[in-house]
């Protein structure tokens, strides 16, 4: 076999090996990049969920207090009406 054919076969094999290694490195890098992006996106999502949970708790406190306040206002209106009636009666 002539030397040029052997050299061409060796060069082709090395070229093929280089292409395969490059493809694996590119796939590994892309995979790592995707994993890192997923981790960052998950961290952002978790933070948003925590913030929403805090807001829901805050509104829950108001939801418990509003009926109490409504009842107190209703009692104040009743007392005010009684005072107004008494003032009109005394006049």
Protein backbone atom coordinates (compact mmCIF):
# COMPACT_ATOMS: atom_id res chain seq x y z
CA UNK A 1 0.00 0.00 0.00
CA UNK A 2 1.45 3.34 -0.97
CA UNK A 3 2.40 5.76 1.76
CA UNK A 4 -0.01 8.41 0.51
CA UNK A 5 -2.99 6.06 0.94
CA UNK A 6 -1.92 5.14 4.47
CA UNK A 7 -1.42 8.81 5.28
CA UNK A 8 -4.87 9.62 3.88
CA UNK A 9 -6.49 6.83 5.92
CA UNK A 10 -4.69 7.94 9.11
CA UNK A 11 -5.68 11.57 8.50
CA UNK A 12 -9.28 10.51 7.85
CA UNK A 13 -9.39 8.45 11.05
CA UNK A 14 -7.95 11.33 13.09
CA UNK A 15 -10.40 13.73 11.46
CA UNK A 16 -13.30 11.42 12.30
CA UNK A 17 -12.12 11.03 15.90
CA UNK A 18 -11.76 14.81 16.22
CA UNK A 19 -15.26 15.35 14.84
CA UNK A 20 -16.74 12.80 17.24
CA UNK A 21 -14.94 14.31 20.25
CA UNK A 22 -16.02 17.81 19.20
CA UNK A 23 -19.63 16.65 18.90
CA UNK A 24 -19.54 15.08 22.37
CA UNK A 25 -18.01 18.23 23.88
CA UNK A 26 -20.62 20.43 22.19
CA UNK A 27 -23.45 18.19 23.40
CA UNK A 28 -22.03 18.13 26.95
CA UNK A 29 -21.65 21.93 27.00
CA UNK A 30 -25.18 22.43 25.68
CA UNK A 31 -26.51 20.00 28.26
CA UNK A 32 -24.73 21.83 31.10
CA UNK A 33 -25.96 25.18 29.82
CA UNK A 34 -29.52 23.86 29.66
CA UNK A 35 -29.25 22.42 33.17
CA UNK A 36 -27.92 25.71 34.53
CA UNK A 37 -30.71 27.65 32.82
CA UNK A 38 -33.27 25.24 34.25
CA UNK A 39 -31.82 25.69 37.75
CA UNK A 40 -31.95 29.48 37.43
CA UNK A 41 -35.51 29.38 36.08
CA UNK A 42 -36.57 27.05 38.91
CA UNK A 43 -35.01 29.38 41.49
CA UNK A 44 -36.87 32.36 40.00
CA UNK A 45 -40.13 30.39 39.97
CA UNK A 46 -39.64 29.35 43.60
CA UNK A 47 -39.02 32.97 44.61
CA UNK A 48 -42.18 34.10 42.82
CA UNK A 49 -44.18 31.36 44.54
CA UNK A 50 -42.81 32.44 47.92
CA UNK A 51 -43.75 36.06 47.22
CA UNK A 52 -47.27 35.06 46.15
CA UNK A 53 -47.63 32.89 49.27
CA UNK A 54 -46.73 35.90 51.44
CA UNK A 55 -49.27 38.08 49.62
CA UNK A 56 -51.99 35.46 50.06
CA UNK A 57 -51.26 35.30 53.78
CA UNK A 58 -51.49 39.08 54.00
CA UNK A 59 -54.86 39.14 52.24
CA UNK A 60 -56.02 36.27 54.43
CA UNK A 61 -55.45 38.44 57.50
CA UNK A 62 -57.60 41.19 55.98
CA UNK A 63 -60.25 38.69 54.98
CA UNK A 64 -60.57 37.69 58.63
CA UNK A 65 -60.66 41.27 59.87
CA UNK A 66 -63.19 42.74 57.41
CA UNK A 67 -66.25 40.92 58.81
CA UNK A 68 -65.27 42.05 62.32
CA UNK A 69 -64.97 45.63 61.12
CA UNK A 70 -68.30 45.42 59.32
CA UNK A 71 -69.97 44.25 62.52
CA UNK A 72 -68.35 47.06 64.51
CA UNK A 73 -69.49 49.65 61.95
CA UNK A 74 -73.00 48.21 62.06
CA UNK A 75 -72.99 48.56 65.86
CA UNK A 76 -71.74 52.14 65.58
CA UNK A 77 -74.54 53.01 63.16
CA UNK A 78 -77.05 51.52 65.58
CA UNK A 79 -75.62 53.50 68.49
CA UNK A 80 -75.50 56.68 66.39
CA UNK A 81 -79.13 56.19 65.37
CA UNK A 82 -80.06 55.75 69.04
CA UNK A 83 -78.24 58.98 69.97
CA UNK A 84 -79.89 60.85 67.08
CA UNK A 85 -83.30 59.57 68.15
CA UNK A 86 -82.62 60.63 71.74
CA UNK A 87 -81.52 64.12 70.63
CA UNK A 88 -84.68 64.51 68.51
CA UNK A 89 -86.79 63.29 71.40
CA UNK A 90 -85.16 65.78 73.81
CA UNK A 91 -85.76 68.72 71.47
